[in-house]
Amino acid sequence: MTSKADKRGRIYLPKEIREKHGRKFRIVELPSHVALFPVADDPLAAIEAEVGDALADKDLDELKVEAREKAAREVADERNSNDRA
């Protein structure tokens, strides 16, 4: 699917996409592309629905640190693979 930004920078998302993923997205700029990630109205409830009680015994601060470290590794890996290309 291809979409073009208008003069004001707006991008049209087809109805099927909006119905499936909602109307709120996080825009993430990566070294090789830009990605849209749907944001739930209640992100915590969405996470709990996905993982159930798998994180019940986890410390929130530890989860944040782990998530940031993993994200940093993934970005570094993508940069390295783009540098090799």
Protein backbone atom coordinates (compact mmCIF):
# COMPACT_ATOMS: atom_id res chain seq x y z
CA MET A 1 0.00 0.00 0.00
CA THR A 2 1.30 3.44 -0.85
CA SER A 3 0.16 6.75 0.56
CA LYS A 4 1.38 10.27 -0.10
CA ALA A 5 1.55 13.12 2.39
CA ASP A 6 -0.37 16.25 1.45
CA LYS A 7 1.06 19.79 1.65
CA ARG A 8 0.38 19.88 5.40
CA GLY A 9 2.10 16.54 6.03
CA ARG A 10 -1.07 14.51 6.53
CA ILE A 11 -1.19 10.90 5.38
CA TYR A 12 -4.47 9.22 4.45
CA LEU A 13 -5.02 5.83 6.08
CA PRO A 14 -7.67 3.70 4.38
CA LYS A 15 -10.84 2.87 6.30
CA GLU A 16 -9.86 -0.82 6.61
CA ILE A 17 -6.62 0.15 8.40
CA ARG A 18 -8.38 2.58 10.75
CA GLU A 19 -11.07 0.00 11.57
CA LYS A 20 -8.49 -2.69 12.29
CA HIS A 21 -5.88 -0.62 14.15
CA GLY A 22 -7.67 2.50 15.37
CA ARG A 23 -6.92 6.15 14.73
CA LYS A 24 -3.95 6.77 17.04
CA PHE A 25 -0.43 5.74 16.02
CA ARG A 26 3.09 6.22 17.30
CA ILE A 27 5.47 7.35 14.57
CA VAL A 28 8.92 5.79 14.88
CA GLU A 29 11.80 6.97 12.73
CA LEU A 30 14.37 4.24 12.14
CA PRO A 31 17.61 4.53 10.17
CA SER A 32 16.10 2.96 7.05
CA HIS A 33 12.39 3.79 7.31
CA VAL A 34 9.51 5.26 9.26
CA ALA A 35 7.01 2.96 10.96
CA LEU A 36 3.52 3.49 12.38
CA PHE A 37 2.53 1.52 15.45
CA PRO A 38 -1.08 1.52 16.69
CA VAL A 39 -1.59 2.95 20.16
CA ALA A 40 -4.49 1.53 22.16
CA ASP A 41 -6.85 3.86 24.00
CA ASP A 42 -5.69 2.14 27.20
CA PRO A 43 -2.19 0.78 26.45
CA LEU A 44 -1.81 -0.94 29.83
CA ALA A 45 -5.08 -2.84 29.38
CA ALA A 46 -3.98 -3.86 25.87
CA ILE A 47 -0.70 -5.24 27.20
CA GLU A 48 -2.45 -7.09 30.01
CA ALA A 49 -4.89 -8.61 27.50
CA GLU A 50 -1.97 -9.83 25.37
CA VAL A 51 0.27 -11.29 28.08
CA GLY A 52 -2.20 -12.19 30.80
CA ASP A 53 -0.49 -12.69 34.15
CA ALA A 54 2.92 -13.53 32.65
CA LEU A 55 4.32 -10.27 34.01
CA ALA A 56 2.56 -10.37 37.37
CA ASP A 57 5.74 -11.01 39.37
CA LYS A 58 7.94 -8.63 37.39
CA ASP A 59 9.15 -5.29 38.71
CA LEU A 60 8.00 -2.41 36.48
CA ASP A 61 11.34 -0.61 36.62
CA GLU A 62 13.20 -3.78 35.61
CA LEU A 63 10.81 -4.28 32.69
CA LYS A 64 11.47 -0.71 31.52
CA VAL A 65 15.23 -1.22 31.65
CA GLU A 66 14.99 -4.53 29.77
CA ALA A 67 12.74 -2.99 27.10
CA ARG A 68 15.04 -0.01 26.56
CA GLU A 69 18.11 -2.24 26.33
CA LYS A 70 16.42 -4.53 23.83
CA ALA A 71 15.25 -1.59 21.73
CA ALA A 72 18.76 -0.12 21.72
CA ARG A 73 20.21 -3.48 20.60
CA GLU A 74 17.65 -3.76 17.79
CA VAL A 75 18.37 -0.24 16.53
CA ALA A 76 22.13 -0.91 16.66
CA ASP A 77 21.65 -4.19 14.77
CA GLU A 78 19.59 -2.43 12.10
CA ARG A 79 22.17 0.34 11.74
CA ASN A 80 24.92 -2.25 11.38
CA SER A 81 23.00 -4.18 8.73
CA ASN A 82 22.32 -0.92 6.82
CA ASP A 83 26.00 0.02 7.01
CA ARG A 84 26.93 -3.33 5.46
CA ALA A 85 24.39 -2.93 2.63
